[in-house]
Structures are given as structure tokens and as C-alpha cells.
């Protein structure tokens, strides 16, 4: 057991998980958990991290202004996979080590994509809404099997989704700025331009990080390319889709449906959008399976012992 390092656990989810708490306490004796369930930001985040050597963070914003005031903090370990809240330039500037393991929640996310796709293709939200309001009419939907699936982003989750889709005998289109030619060859995939993917696909699903190159990647122009029978799924990051225009085309039935687990502002403020019967909304639960939470937590515990500063290209 390490008796010298002081550990701060910002994550509320990690802090209230008895398995993860015990596994961390088996390794370290001096731990501050977020037992009050605080949303840590600004000065409150600084005060929570102050005088600690290492930290486990989740959705807290880590930037140069914060790190400049925390000279004692040497390691920041990520509980989860998204790095958009951690300013990498600042990490390098202040010589902070980053504990991170990509893809630990991929199966949790990709299974939710499948569940959303099937629910929308079978009109489950609409049918459920009608029954609750006293109607009992049959909806004729379609199967996921044999559909054309467009995967935007073929990293950990995108690759896992390709694997899960194999028994459904789907035609799979992929688009990514990275070269995954060996993986594409293994599954007989041909990467295509984003515009072509949007025009061809029955199901479009996003799996890219949020950065300067992906903000509003599906804007009004791109959304207009989708088929009227197509559905859109976003379990990646809020800010990737023009939500105002999405609402418009859902109301006008210019696409058949959409399912979002993430939003530009969370909780989402557009009550009209989330009330649509051809729209599924969930509260950022993509990585929140029991199995994924344990995998992310254990990766974060391992990351506390990381010894390297993130390189400029390592997490780009």
C-alpha cells in the first residue's frame, strides 16, 4: 500500500462505487473521495485538488489556469475515455503525467448503438408513446438486418460496432481521418467520403471526439444529405450535430428518427426536441454499464502510476 501519495477522486460515480473504492483503498491510504457528490469546477475544483499528489478525474475541466495553481499535483488519471475536457498543451507545459486507456467502455457504447438503431427502426418510441396515450395501432417497422450502416469514426467504438454488426449482414460504410487499412481489410470495408456515407446509409452513427475539426461536423448542409428513411445516432459527444436543424428535419420528417445520449448543453434545454416521438434521449449513459464502470475505474487506478508526459501526437 502506498502511504505517501495523496489521491483526490473527483468523479462522483467512482466515489460511490464500493468495488472501485475498495480496490483504490487497497493500493493507497490517503484518499479524498467526492462523497458530497459535488459538481467540481472553477475554484471548487482547485480547492478539492489542492495539496494532492495525484487525481482521478471524469468530466472536470483541466486547463492551464487550474494546473498553474497545482504544482504538487503530478498525475491526472482519466476515469472514462473522452479527453476533450483535458487541455493537453497545459499538461505538457506543467509536466503533468496523464493516465488514460482508450476503449475501455467500447462494448457498453456499441451495444447501446444497436439498441437505439433497433428501437428507431421498429418505431418503439412512437408506439410506446401512443399506447401510453390510449392508442393501440400496429406500426410496421423494419429490421436492422441487411441495412446500410454508416460509421463516422472508426476508433475503439467504431471497430467494436463493426464486429457486433457482423451477424446482422449489414453493408457497412466507414469514414475516418486516420488510416485503419489493416482493420478495413480484415472486415472487407471500404472507407468512403463523409458526404457519400450520409447519402447511402440507413443508419448513421457518430464515434469521433469533439475538437476543432469535428465541431458541428453534421451541420445543416451535411444533415440535408441523409435519406428521409434514415436515422441518426450520437453517443459520442455533444456539439457534433447542429441540434436546432436536427429538430427541424425530425419535425418535417426529412429523416425518420434520431437517438442522442449526448448534447451540446447537458441536460439539454430544448424541450421540444427531446419530446419528439421520433427522438430517443438518454442522460449520457453510453459508458454506464456495470461492466464499463468497473473497467474505466480500474484503468483509472492503474493510470495513477503512469510515468510519461503526453506527447503532442499521442492523443490527437
Protein backbone atom coordinates (compact mmCIF):
# COMPACT_ATOMS: atom_id res chain seq x y z
CA UNK A 1 0.00 0.00 0.00
CA UNK A 2 1.21 3.49 -0.88
CA UNK A 3 1.09 5.61 2.27
CA UNK A 4 2.73 8.76 0.91
CA UNK A 5 0.75 9.89 -2.15
CA UNK A 6 -2.39 11.90 -1.54
CA UNK A 7 -5.12 10.92 -4.03
CA UNK A 8 -8.13 13.05 -4.98
CA UNK A 9 -11.10 11.33 -6.64
CA UNK A 10 -13.19 13.98 -8.40
CA UNK A 11 -15.62 11.55 -10.00
CA UNK A 12 -18.93 11.12 -8.18
CA UNK A 13 -19.56 7.80 -9.93
CA UNK A 14 -16.19 6.38 -8.90
CA UNK A 15 -16.57 7.72 -5.35
CA UNK A 16 -19.89 5.96 -4.76
CA UNK A 17 -18.85 2.63 -6.29
CA UNK A 18 -17.98 0.24 -3.42
CA UNK A 19 -15.86 -2.08 -5.58
CA UNK A 20 -13.71 0.71 -7.00
CA UNK A 21 -13.37 2.41 -3.61
CA UNK A 22 -12.06 -0.78 -2.05
CA UNK A 23 -9.64 -1.51 -4.89
CA UNK A 24 -8.25 2.02 -4.65
CA UNK A 25 -8.03 1.84 -0.85
CA UNK A 26 -6.12 -1.44 -1.15
CA UNK A 27 -3.40 0.49 -3.00
CA UNK A 28 -3.43 3.91 -1.32
CA UNK A 29 -4.11 5.01 2.23
CA UNK A 30 -4.59 8.76 1.82
CA UNK A 31 -7.62 9.35 -0.40
CA UNK A 32 -10.14 12.17 -0.70
CA UNK A 33 -13.36 10.96 -2.30
CA UNK A 34 -16.07 13.23 -3.68
CA UNK A 35 -18.55 11.90 -1.13
CA UNK A 36 -20.66 15.05 -1.17
CA UNK A 37 -21.46 14.49 -4.84
CA UNK A 38 -20.17 17.93 -5.80
CA UNK A 39 -20.04 19.18 -9.39
CA UNK A 40 -16.43 20.33 -9.32
CA UNK A 41 -15.49 23.34 -11.40
CA UNK A 42 -13.55 26.57 -11.05
CA UNK A 43 -12.39 27.44 -7.55
CA UNK A 44 -14.26 24.49 -6.06
CA UNK A 45 -12.25 22.11 -8.25
CA UNK A 46 -9.00 23.84 -7.29
CA UNK A 47 -9.77 23.54 -3.58
CA UNK A 48 -10.65 19.86 -3.97
CA UNK A 49 -7.37 19.08 -5.80
CA UNK A 50 -5.10 21.35 -3.75
CA UNK A 51 -2.40 19.60 -1.71
CA UNK A 52 -2.92 16.29 -3.54
CA UNK A 53 -0.24 14.44 -5.49
CA UNK A 54 -2.48 12.54 -7.90
CA UNK A 55 -6.07 12.76 -9.08
CA UNK A 56 -8.75 10.71 -10.80
CA UNK A 57 -10.94 12.97 -12.94
CA UNK A 58 -14.03 12.38 -15.06
CA UNK A 59 -15.74 15.37 -16.71
CA UNK A 60 -13.86 18.09 -14.82
CA UNK A 61 -12.17 20.78 -16.91
CA UNK A 62 -8.39 20.59 -16.61
CA UNK A 63 -6.69 23.65 -18.14
CA UNK A 64 -3.60 25.82 -17.73
CA UNK A 65 -5.29 28.20 -15.28
CA UNK A 66 -6.01 25.29 -12.94
CA UNK A 67 -2.71 23.44 -13.34
CA UNK A 68 -0.71 26.62 -12.76
CA UNK A 69 -2.08 26.68 -9.21
CA UNK A 70 -1.41 22.99 -8.51
CA UNK A 71 2.37 22.45 -8.53
CA UNK A 72 2.12 19.46 -6.18
CA UNK A 73 -0.23 17.55 -8.50
CA UNK A 74 1.90 15.25 -10.67
CA UNK A 75 -0.55 12.75 -12.21
CA UNK A 76 -4.05 13.12 -13.61
CA UNK A 77 -5.73 9.81 -14.38
CA UNK A 78 -8.86 9.71 -16.52
CA UNK A 79 -11.97 7.84 -15.41
CA UNK A 80 -13.58 7.37 -18.82
CA UNK A 81 -12.25 7.69 -22.35
CA UNK A 82 -13.03 11.22 -23.58
CA UNK A 83 -10.12 13.66 -23.34
CA UNK A 84 -11.86 16.80 -24.61
CA UNK A 85 -12.01 18.28 -21.08
CA UNK A 86 -8.24 17.94 -20.57
CA UNK A 87 -6.03 20.60 -22.15
CA UNK A 88 -3.06 18.60 -23.45
CA UNK A 89 -0.86 21.61 -24.10
CA UNK A 90 -1.29 22.62 -20.47
CA UNK A 91 -0.46 19.10 -19.28
CA UNK A 92 2.81 19.25 -21.18
CA UNK A 93 3.53 22.84 -20.15
CA UNK A 94 3.31 21.97 -16.46
CA UNK A 95 4.87 18.49 -16.79
CA UNK A 96 1.79 16.62 -15.64
CA UNK A 97 1.53 12.91 -16.34
CA UNK A 98 -1.67 11.54 -17.86
CA UNK A 99 -3.16 8.16 -17.00
CA UNK A 100 -5.55 7.13 -19.78
CA UNK A 101 -6.64 3.94 -21.52
CA UNK A 102 -8.74 4.17 -24.65
CA UNK A 103 -11.68 1.95 -25.49
CA UNK A 104 -12.38 0.52 -22.04
CA UNK A 105 -16.11 1.28 -22.38
CA UNK A 106 -16.45 0.41 -26.09
CA UNK A 107 -18.77 -2.58 -25.70
CA UNK A 108 -21.12 -0.63 -23.44
CA UNK A 109 -21.35 2.14 -26.05
CA UNK A 110 -21.64 -0.08 -29.12
CA UNK A 111 -24.41 -2.20 -27.55
CA UNK A 112 -26.39 0.98 -26.86
CA UNK A 113 -26.00 1.96 -30.52
CA UNK A 114 -27.53 -1.35 -31.55
CA UNK A 115 -30.41 -0.93 -29.10
CA UNK A 116 -31.10 2.61 -30.38
CA UNK A 117 -30.97 1.51 -34.02
CA UNK A 118 -33.43 -1.34 -33.49
CA UNK A 119 -35.78 0.81 -31.39
CA UNK A 120 -35.92 3.54 -34.04
CA UNK A 121 -36.25 1.17 -36.99
CA UNK A 122 -39.19 -0.53 -35.24
CA UNK A 123 -40.78 2.80 -34.15
CA UNK A 124 -40.57 1.78 -30.49
CA UNK A 125 -40.59 5.35 -29.02
CA UNK A 126 -43.58 6.37 -31.15
CA UNK A 127 -45.51 3.15 -30.46
CA UNK A 128 -44.85 3.36 -26.72
CA UNK A 129 -45.96 7.00 -26.66
CA UNK A 130 -49.21 6.12 -28.44
CA UNK A 131 -50.04 3.23 -26.10
CA UNK A 132 -49.45 5.45 -23.06
CA UNK A 133 -51.89 7.93 -24.59
CA UNK A 134 -54.61 5.35 -25.13
CA UNK A 135 -54.00 4.29 -28.73
CA UNK A 136 -53.39 0.71 -29.86
CA UNK A 137 -52.30 0.63 -33.51
CA UNK A 138 -49.72 -1.54 -35.21
CA UNK A 139 -46.52 0.01 -36.50
CA UNK A 140 -44.74 -1.72 -39.36
CA UNK A 141 -41.06 -1.09 -38.92
CA UNK A 142 -38.01 -2.69 -40.47
CA UNK A 143 -35.18 -4.90 -39.29
CA UNK A 144 -31.60 -3.90 -38.66
CA UNK A 145 -30.51 -6.96 -40.64
CA UNK A 146 -29.37 -6.08 -44.14
CA UNK A 147 -29.35 -2.32 -43.56
CA UNK A 148 -26.66 0.09 -44.75
CA UNK A 149 -24.80 1.35 -41.68
CA UNK A 150 -22.60 4.45 -41.81
CA UNK A 151 -19.99 4.68 -39.04
CA UNK A 152 -18.34 8.10 -38.69
CA UNK A 153 -15.17 7.46 -36.70
CA UNK A 154 -13.60 4.02 -36.65
CA UNK A 155 -11.64 4.13 -33.40
CA UNK A 156 -12.27 1.81 -30.47
CA UNK A 157 -16.08 2.04 -30.51
CA UNK A 158 -16.38 2.15 -34.29
CA UNK A 159 -14.29 -1.00 -34.64
CA UNK A 160 -16.28 -2.78 -31.93
CA UNK A 161 -19.52 -1.81 -33.65
CA UNK A 162 -18.30 -3.30 -36.92
CA UNK A 163 -17.62 -6.54 -35.05
CA UNK A 164 -21.06 -6.63 -33.40
CA UNK A 165 -22.82 -5.94 -36.70
CA UNK A 166 -21.36 -8.98 -38.46
CA UNK A 167 -24.30 -11.36 -37.72
CA UNK A 168 -26.76 -8.73 -39.00
CA UNK A 169 -25.31 -8.99 -42.51
CA UNK A 170 -25.26 -5.21 -42.93
CA UNK A 171 -23.45 -3.20 -45.58
CA UNK A 172 -21.05 -1.10 -43.52
CA UNK A 173 -19.60 2.23 -44.64
CA UNK A 174 -16.81 3.88 -42.65
CA UNK A 175 -15.28 7.34 -42.58
CA UNK A 176 -12.26 8.39 -40.54
CA UNK A 177 -9.32 10.78 -40.91
CA UNK A 178 -6.98 8.02 -39.69
CA UNK A 179 -5.71 5.14 -41.78
CA UNK A 180 -7.12 1.87 -40.49
CA UNK A 181 -6.41 -0.04 -43.70
CA UNK A 182 -5.43 -3.29 -41.97
CA UNK A 183 -8.66 -3.31 -39.97
CA UNK A 184 -10.71 -2.42 -43.05
CA UNK A 185 -9.09 -5.27 -44.93
CA UNK A 186 -9.92 -7.74 -42.15
CA UNK A 187 -13.65 -6.90 -42.37
CA UNK A 188 -13.75 -6.15 -46.10
CA UNK A 189 -14.56 -2.46 -45.52
CA UNK A 190 -14.03 0.40 -47.93
CA UNK A 191 -13.72 3.89 -46.40
CA UNK A 192 -15.77 6.50 -48.27
CA UNK A 193 -16.17 10.29 -48.14
CA UNK A 194 -18.50 11.63 -45.43
CA UNK A 195 -20.96 13.00 -47.98
CA UNK A 196 -21.31 9.61 -49.68
CA UNK A 197 -21.76 7.87 -46.34
CA UNK A 198 -24.59 10.22 -45.39
CA UNK A 199 -26.39 9.77 -48.71
CA UNK A 200 -26.15 5.97 -48.72
CA UNK A 201 -26.75 4.97 -45.10
CA UNK A 202 -29.96 3.82 -43.43
CA UNK A 203 -28.33 4.27 -40.02
CA UNK A 204 -25.67 6.92 -39.35
CA UNK A 205 -23.78 6.71 -36.06
CA UNK A 206 -21.11 9.09 -34.73
CA UNK A 207 -17.96 7.93 -32.96
CA UNK A 208 -15.48 10.79 -33.12
CA UNK A 209 -14.02 13.02 -30.39
CA UNK A 210 -15.04 16.65 -30.05
CA UNK A 211 -12.32 19.01 -31.26
CA UNK A 212 -11.87 21.91 -33.66
CA UNK A 213 -12.13 19.60 -36.66
CA UNK A 214 -15.35 17.88 -35.56
CA UNK A 215 -17.45 20.66 -34.00
CA UNK A 216 -20.74 20.72 -35.91
CA UNK A 217 -19.44 18.03 -38.27
CA UNK A 218 -23.07 17.30 -39.12
CA UNK A 219 -24.27 20.82 -39.88
CA UNK A 220 -27.36 21.85 -41.83
CA UNK A 221 -25.68 21.10 -45.16
CA UNK A 222 -24.48 17.65 -44.13
CA UNK A 223 -27.76 16.66 -42.47
CA UNK A 224 -29.62 17.54 -45.67
CA UNK A 225 -27.77 14.69 -47.44
CA UNK A 226 -29.42 11.98 -45.34
CA UNK A 227 -32.28 9.89 -46.69
CA UNK A 228 -35.80 10.57 -45.39
CA UNK A 229 -35.91 6.98 -44.14
CA UNK A 230 -32.56 7.23 -42.33
CA UNK A 231 -31.87 7.51 -38.61
CA UNK A 232 -29.05 9.31 -36.78
CA UNK A 233 -27.38 8.18 -33.55
CA UNK A 234 -24.97 10.21 -31.40
CA UNK A 235 -23.44 8.54 -28.36
CA UNK A 236 -20.08 10.24 -28.87
CA UNK A 237 -20.02 13.90 -27.86
CA UNK A 238 -22.42 16.82 -27.78
CA UNK A 239 -21.56 19.57 -30.26
CA UNK A 240 -21.02 17.25 -33.21
CA UNK A 241 -24.50 17.91 -34.64
CA UNK A 242 -26.50 21.07 -35.35
CA UNK A 243 -29.26 20.25 -32.85
CA UNK A 244 -31.55 23.09 -33.93
CA UNK A 245 -31.57 21.91 -37.53
CA UNK A 246 -31.90 18.30 -36.42
CA UNK A 247 -35.14 19.22 -34.63
CA UNK A 248 -36.42 20.90 -37.77
CA UNK A 249 -35.81 17.91 -40.04
CA UNK A 250 -37.24 15.49 -37.47
CA UNK A 251 -40.44 17.53 -37.27
CA UNK A 252 -40.62 17.77 -41.07
CA UNK A 253 -39.91 14.00 -41.37
CA UNK A 254 -36.89 14.69 -43.58
CA UNK A 255 -35.18 11.95 -41.60
CA UNK A 256 -37.03 9.15 -39.84
CA UNK A 257 -35.59 9.44 -36.36
CA UNK A 258 -32.63 10.14 -34.11
CA UNK A 259 -31.24 8.98 -30.77
CA UNK A 260 -28.90 11.14 -28.68
CA UNK A 261 -27.12 10.26 -25.46
CA UNK A 262 -25.03 13.45 -25.51
CA UNK A 263 -25.81 17.12 -26.11
CA UNK A 264 -24.02 20.42 -26.58
CA UNK A 265 -25.52 21.52 -23.24
CA UNK A 266 -26.32 18.87 -20.66
CA UNK A 267 -29.03 18.47 -19.58
CA UNK A 268 -30.49 19.54 -22.95
CA UNK A 269 -32.52 22.74 -22.83
CA UNK A 270 -34.58 22.21 -25.99
CA UNK A 271 -37.70 20.58 -24.52
CA UNK A 272 -39.40 20.49 -27.91
CA UNK A 273 -36.61 18.38 -29.38
CA UNK A 274 -36.49 15.80 -26.61
CA UNK A 275 -40.29 15.48 -26.60
CA UNK A 276 -40.47 14.40 -30.25
CA UNK A 277 -41.83 10.87 -30.66
CA UNK A 278 -39.21 10.05 -33.30
CA UNK A 279 -36.39 11.06 -30.97
CA UNK A 280 -34.78 8.99 -28.20
CA UNK A 281 -33.00 10.87 -25.41
CA UNK A 282 -30.86 9.35 -22.66
CA UNK A 283 -28.76 11.14 -19.99
CA UNK A 284 -25.18 10.38 -21.14
CA UNK A 285 -25.34 6.68 -20.21
CA UNK A 286 -23.25 5.27 -23.08
CA UNK A 287 -20.44 4.11 -20.83
CA UNK A 288 -22.60 3.49 -17.77
CA UNK A 289 -22.95 -0.26 -17.74
CA UNK A 290 -21.79 -2.05 -14.60
CA UNK A 291 -19.03 -3.72 -16.59
CA UNK A 292 -17.83 -0.50 -18.23
CA UNK A 293 -17.77 1.42 -14.96
CA UNK A 294 -15.51 -1.20 -13.40
CA UNK A 295 -13.26 -1.28 -16.47
CA UNK A 296 -12.95 2.51 -16.55
CA UNK A 297 -12.35 2.68 -12.80
CA UNK A 298 -9.64 0.02 -12.85
CA UNK A 299 -7.94 1.74 -15.78
CA UNK A 300 -8.00 5.00 -13.79
CA UNK A 301 -6.44 3.28 -10.77
CA UNK A 302 -3.68 1.84 -12.98
CA UNK A 303 -3.19 5.26 -14.55
CA UNK A 304 -2.17 6.79 -11.22
CA UNK A 305 1.21 5.09 -11.64
CA UNK A 306 1.85 6.40 -15.16
CA UNK A 307 5.36 7.75 -15.71
CA UNK A 308 5.15 9.65 -19.01
CA UNK A 309 4.06 13.12 -20.10
CA UNK A 310 1.57 13.01 -23.01
CA UNK A 311 3.30 13.66 -26.32
CA UNK A 312 1.85 16.19 -28.83
CA UNK A 313 0.62 13.44 -31.18
CA UNK A 314 -0.25 10.67 -28.74
CA UNK A 315 -3.85 11.71 -28.06
CA UNK A 316 -4.56 13.88 -31.12
